[in-house]
Amino acid sequence: MLTASELALIVAGIALVGTAATVIQKRRTDRRDAWWGRAQWALEHIIAAQGPDDTERTIGLVLLISLQSSHLASDEERKMLEEVADAILATARRPGP
C-alpha cells in the first residue's frame, strides 16, 4: 500500500508531465503561427509587387523559399510553397508584351 506522501509524489509527477506536454504543444503551435505569419508576409510582398522594380517580389520569393525548408512546415505546405514559387518564376520568365 502506498503512503500518502508516495501517492502525492506520483500525482505531482503526473501533473508535471501533463504541464510539460501542454507547454511543449503551445510552444510548437506558437512557432507554427509565427511561421505562417512570415509566409503570409512573403506572399503579400510577392503579390503587391508591381512595376519594373522586382525588389519586393524578390524579397518575398527568397523568404518563401527559405520558409519552405523550415521544419515547422508540413509536407502539404512545402508543396504549396513550391507551386507558388514555380508559378511566380514561370510568370517572370514570360516575355513581356
N, C-alpha and C. Protein backbone atom coordinates (compact mmCIF):
# COMPACT_ATOMS: atom_id res chain seq x y z
N MET A 1 0.83 -1.18 0.00
CA MET A 1 0.00 0.00 0.00
C MET A 1 0.88 1.24 0.00
N LEU A 2 0.48 2.23 -0.78
CA LEU A 2 1.24 3.47 -0.87
C LEU A 2 0.92 4.38 0.30
N THR A 3 1.95 5.05 0.76
CA THR A 3 1.73 6.05 1.81
C THR A 3 1.20 7.32 1.16
N ALA A 4 0.71 8.22 1.97
CA ALA A 4 0.16 9.48 1.48
C ALA A 4 1.22 10.29 0.75
N SER A 5 2.43 10.30 1.26
CA SER A 5 3.49 11.08 0.63
C SER A 5 3.91 10.46 -0.72
N GLU A 6 3.91 9.13 -0.80
CA GLU A 6 4.23 8.47 -2.07
C GLU A 6 3.16 8.74 -3.11
N LEU A 7 1.92 8.69 -2.68
CA LEU A 7 0.80 8.97 -3.59
C LEU A 7 0.86 10.43 -4.06
N ALA A 8 1.17 11.34 -3.16
CA ALA A 8 1.28 12.76 -3.52
C ALA A 8 2.41 12.97 -4.52
N LEU A 9 3.50 12.25 -4.33
CA LEU A 9 4.63 12.35 -5.26
C LEU A 9 4.25 11.84 -6.65
N ILE A 10 3.53 10.75 -6.72
CA ILE A 10 3.09 10.21 -8.01
C ILE A 10 2.14 11.19 -8.70
N VAL A 11 1.19 11.73 -7.96
CA VAL A 11 0.24 12.70 -8.53
C VAL A 11 0.98 13.94 -9.01
N ALA A 12 1.94 14.41 -8.24
CA ALA A 12 2.72 15.59 -8.64
C ALA A 12 3.53 15.29 -9.91
N GLY A 13 4.07 14.09 -10.01
CA GLY A 13 4.82 13.70 -11.21
C GLY A 13 3.94 13.67 -12.45
N ILE A 14 2.74 13.12 -12.30
CA ILE A 14 1.79 13.08 -13.41
C ILE A 14 1.40 14.49 -13.83
N ALA A 15 1.15 15.35 -12.85
CA ALA A 15 0.80 16.75 -13.14
C ALA A 15 1.94 17.46 -13.85
N LEU A 16 3.17 17.19 -13.43
CA LEU A 16 4.33 17.81 -14.06
C LEU A 16 4.47 17.37 -15.52
N VAL A 17 4.29 16.09 -15.78
CA VAL A 17 4.37 15.58 -17.15
C VAL A 17 3.27 16.20 -18.01
N GLY A 18 2.06 16.28 -17.47
CA GLY A 18 0.95 16.90 -18.21
C GLY A 18 1.21 18.36 -18.52
N THR A 19 1.73 19.08 -17.55
CA THR A 19 2.04 20.50 -17.74
C THR A 19 3.15 20.68 -18.78
N ALA A 20 4.17 19.85 -18.70
CA ALA A 20 5.27 19.94 -19.66
C ALA A 20 4.77 19.67 -21.08
N ALA A 21 3.90 18.68 -21.24
CA ALA A 21 3.35 18.37 -22.57
C ALA A 21 2.55 19.55 -23.11
N THR A 22 1.78 20.18 -22.24
CA THR A 22 0.98 21.34 -22.65
C THR A 22 1.88 22.49 -23.08
N VAL A 23 2.93 22.76 -22.32
CA VAL A 23 3.86 23.85 -22.65
C VAL A 23 4.56 23.58 -23.97
N ILE A 24 4.99 22.34 -24.18
CA ILE A 24 5.67 21.98 -25.44
C ILE A 24 4.72 22.16 -26.62
N GLN A 25 3.48 21.70 -26.47
CA GLN A 25 2.50 21.84 -27.55
C GLN A 25 2.21 23.31 -27.85
N LYS A 26 2.06 24.12 -26.81
CA LYS A 26 1.79 25.56 -27.01
C LYS A 26 2.97 26.23 -27.71
N ARG A 27 4.17 25.87 -27.31
CA ARG A 27 5.36 26.46 -27.93
C ARG A 27 5.41 26.12 -29.42
N ARG A 28 5.13 24.86 -29.76
CA ARG A 28 5.14 24.45 -31.16
C ARG A 28 4.03 25.17 -31.95
N THR A 29 2.86 25.29 -31.35
CA THR A 29 1.76 25.99 -32.01
C THR A 29 2.11 27.45 -32.24
N ASP A 30 2.70 28.09 -31.24
CA ASP A 30 3.11 29.50 -31.39
C ASP A 30 4.16 29.66 -32.49
N ARG A 31 5.10 28.73 -32.55
CA ARG A 31 6.15 28.80 -33.59
C ARG A 31 5.55 28.58 -34.98
N ARG A 32 4.59 27.67 -35.10
CA ARG A 32 3.95 27.44 -36.41
C ARG A 32 3.12 28.66 -36.81
N ASP A 33 2.46 29.29 -35.84
CA ASP A 33 1.70 30.51 -36.14
C ASP A 33 2.63 31.61 -36.64
N ALA A 34 3.78 31.75 -36.01
CA ALA A 34 4.76 32.75 -36.46
C ALA A 34 5.28 32.38 -37.84
N TRP A 35 5.50 31.09 -38.10
CA TRP A 35 5.95 30.64 -39.43
C TRP A 35 4.91 31.03 -40.48
N TRP A 36 3.64 30.77 -40.19
CA TRP A 36 2.59 31.10 -41.16
C TRP A 36 2.49 32.61 -41.36
N GLY A 37 2.68 33.39 -40.31
CA GLY A 37 2.68 34.85 -40.45
C GLY A 37 3.78 35.32 -41.39
N ARG A 38 4.97 34.71 -41.29
CA ARG A 38 6.05 35.06 -42.20
C ARG A 38 5.73 34.63 -43.63
N ALA A 39 5.08 33.48 -43.78
CA ALA A 39 4.69 33.02 -45.12
C ALA A 39 3.68 33.99 -45.73
N GLN A 40 2.72 34.43 -44.94
CA GLN A 40 1.74 35.41 -45.43
C GLN A 40 2.43 36.71 -45.83
N TRP A 41 3.38 37.16 -45.02
CA TRP A 41 4.11 38.39 -45.33
C TRP A 41 4.82 38.25 -46.66
N ALA A 42 5.48 37.12 -46.87
CA ALA A 42 6.21 36.88 -48.13
C ALA A 42 5.24 36.86 -49.31
N LEU A 43 4.12 36.17 -49.15
CA LEU A 43 3.14 36.10 -50.24
C LEU A 43 2.57 37.49 -50.55
N GLU A 44 2.31 38.28 -49.52
CA GLU A 44 1.78 39.63 -49.74
C GLU A 44 2.78 40.50 -50.49
N HIS A 45 4.07 40.36 -50.18
CA HIS A 45 5.08 41.14 -50.90
C HIS A 45 5.20 40.70 -52.35
N ILE A 46 5.05 39.44 -52.59
CA ILE A 46 5.11 38.94 -53.96
C ILE A 46 3.92 39.45 -54.77
N ILE A 47 2.74 39.37 -54.17
CA ILE A 47 1.52 39.78 -54.87
C ILE A 47 1.45 41.29 -55.06
N ALA A 48 1.87 42.05 -54.06
CA ALA A 48 1.77 43.50 -54.11
C ALA A 48 2.82 44.14 -55.01
N ALA A 49 3.88 43.42 -55.33
CA ALA A 49 4.96 43.99 -56.15
C ALA A 49 4.45 44.28 -57.55
N GLN A 50 4.61 45.52 -57.96
CA GLN A 50 4.20 45.92 -59.30
C GLN A 50 5.26 46.84 -59.87
N GLY A 51 5.26 46.94 -61.17
CA GLY A 51 6.20 47.83 -61.83
C GLY A 51 7.50 47.15 -62.18
N PRO A 52 8.42 47.93 -62.74
CA PRO A 52 9.67 47.34 -63.23
C PRO A 52 10.63 46.91 -62.13
N ASP A 53 10.49 47.48 -60.94
CA ASP A 53 11.38 47.12 -59.83
C ASP A 53 10.87 45.85 -59.15
N ASP A 54 11.62 44.77 -59.26
CA ASP A 54 11.21 43.48 -58.70
C ASP A 54 11.78 43.23 -57.31
N THR A 55 12.24 44.26 -56.63
CA THR A 55 12.87 44.07 -55.33
C THR A 55 11.92 43.43 -54.33
N GLU A 56 10.71 43.96 -54.23
CA GLU A 56 9.72 43.41 -53.28
C GLU A 56 9.41 41.95 -53.61
N ARG A 57 9.20 41.67 -54.88
CA ARG A 57 8.89 40.31 -55.30
C ARG A 57 10.06 39.36 -55.00
N THR A 58 11.26 39.84 -55.24
CA THR A 58 12.45 39.02 -54.99
C THR A 58 12.60 38.72 -53.50
N ILE A 59 12.41 39.74 -52.66
CA ILE A 59 12.49 39.54 -51.21
C ILE A 59 11.45 38.52 -50.76
N GLY A 60 10.23 38.68 -51.22
CA GLY A 60 9.17 37.75 -50.85
C GLY A 60 9.47 36.34 -51.32
N LEU A 61 9.98 36.20 -52.53
CA LEU A 61 10.28 34.88 -53.08
C LEU A 61 11.43 34.21 -52.33
N VAL A 62 12.46 34.97 -52.01
CA VAL A 62 13.59 34.42 -51.25
C VAL A 62 13.11 33.93 -49.88
N LEU A 63 12.28 34.73 -49.22
CA LEU A 63 11.75 34.33 -47.92
C LEU A 63 10.86 33.10 -48.06
N LEU A 64 10.05 33.06 -49.08
CA LEU A 64 9.16 31.92 -49.31
C LEU A 64 9.97 30.63 -49.49
N ILE A 65 11.02 30.70 -50.25
CA ILE A 65 11.88 29.53 -50.47
C ILE A 65 12.55 29.12 -49.17
N SER A 66 12.98 30.09 -48.38
CA SER A 66 13.59 29.79 -47.09
C SER A 66 12.59 29.13 -46.14
N LEU A 67 11.37 29.64 -46.10
CA LEU A 67 10.35 29.08 -45.23
C LEU A 67 9.99 27.65 -45.63
N GLN A 68 10.13 27.36 -46.90
CA GLN A 68 9.80 26.03 -47.40
C GLN A 68 10.68 24.96 -46.75
N SER A 69 11.90 25.30 -46.41
CA SER A 69 12.82 24.31 -45.84
C SER A 69 12.72 24.23 -44.31
N SER A 70 11.85 25.02 -43.71
CA SER A 70 11.71 25.01 -42.25
C SER A 70 11.09 23.69 -41.77
N HIS A 71 11.56 23.21 -40.63
CA HIS A 71 10.98 22.00 -40.05
C HIS A 71 9.55 22.25 -39.54
N LEU A 72 9.16 23.50 -39.44
CA LEU A 72 7.81 23.83 -39.00
C LEU A 72 6.77 23.65 -40.11
N ALA A 73 7.24 23.60 -41.36
CA ALA A 73 6.33 23.44 -42.50
C ALA A 73 5.95 21.98 -42.66
N SER A 74 4.68 21.75 -42.92
CA SER A 74 4.23 20.38 -43.20
C SER A 74 4.56 20.06 -44.66
N ASP A 75 4.47 18.80 -45.02
CA ASP A 75 4.72 18.41 -46.41
C ASP A 75 3.74 19.11 -47.36
N GLU A 76 2.50 19.24 -46.93
CA GLU A 76 1.49 19.91 -47.75
C GLU A 76 1.85 21.39 -47.95
N GLU A 77 2.32 22.04 -46.90
CA GLU A 77 2.71 23.45 -47.02
C GLU A 77 3.94 23.60 -47.89
N ARG A 78 4.89 22.69 -47.77
CA ARG A 78 6.07 22.74 -48.64
C ARG A 78 5.66 22.64 -50.11
N LYS A 79 4.76 21.73 -50.40
CA LYS A 79 4.29 21.54 -51.78
C LYS A 79 3.59 22.81 -52.27
N MET A 80 2.76 23.40 -51.41
CA MET A 80 2.05 24.62 -51.79
C MET A 80 3.04 25.75 -52.08
N LEU A 81 4.03 25.93 -51.20
CA LEU A 81 5.00 26.99 -51.41
C LEU A 81 5.83 26.75 -52.67
N GLU A 82 6.13 25.50 -52.95
CA GLU A 82 6.87 25.18 -54.18
C GLU A 82 6.04 25.52 -55.41
N GLU A 83 4.75 25.21 -55.37
CA GLU A 83 3.88 25.52 -56.51
C GLU A 83 3.74 27.03 -56.70
N VAL A 84 3.64 27.77 -55.61
CA VAL A 84 3.56 29.23 -55.70
C VAL A 84 4.84 29.79 -56.30
N ALA A 85 5.98 29.32 -55.80
CA ALA A 85 7.27 29.80 -56.32
C ALA A 85 7.42 29.46 -57.80
N ASP A 86 7.04 28.25 -58.19
CA ASP A 86 7.12 27.86 -59.59
C ASP A 86 6.24 28.75 -60.47
N ALA A 87 5.03 29.05 -59.99
CA ALA A 87 4.12 29.90 -60.77
C ALA A 87 4.68 31.31 -60.91
N ILE A 88 5.28 31.83 -59.85
CA ILE A 88 5.85 33.18 -59.90
C ILE A 88 7.03 33.20 -60.86
N LEU A 89 7.88 32.21 -60.76
CA LEU A 89 9.06 32.15 -61.64
C LEU A 89 8.66 31.95 -63.10
N ALA A 90 7.62 31.16 -63.34
CA ALA A 90 7.15 30.96 -64.72
C ALA A 90 6.61 32.27 -65.28
N THR A 91 5.91 33.04 -64.49
CA THR A 91 5.39 34.34 -64.92
C THR A 91 6.54 35.30 -65.20
N ALA A 92 7.56 35.28 -64.36
CA ALA A 92 8.70 36.18 -64.53
C ALA A 92 9.48 35.85 -65.78
N ARG A 93 9.48 34.59 -66.20
CA ARG A 93 10.25 34.19 -67.38
C ARG A 93 9.54 34.50 -68.70
N ARG A 94 8.22 34.72 -68.63
CA ARG A 94 7.47 35.00 -69.85
C ARG A 94 7.90 36.35 -70.43
N PRO A 95 8.06 36.39 -71.75
CA PRO A 95 8.41 37.68 -72.36
C PRO A 95 7.26 38.66 -72.22
N GLY A 96 7.59 39.91 -72.00
CA GLY A 96 6.58 40.95 -71.85
C GLY A 96 5.90 41.29 -73.16
N PRO A 97 4.83 42.08 -73.10
CA PRO A 97 4.08 42.44 -74.32
C PRO A 97 4.86 43.33 -75.25
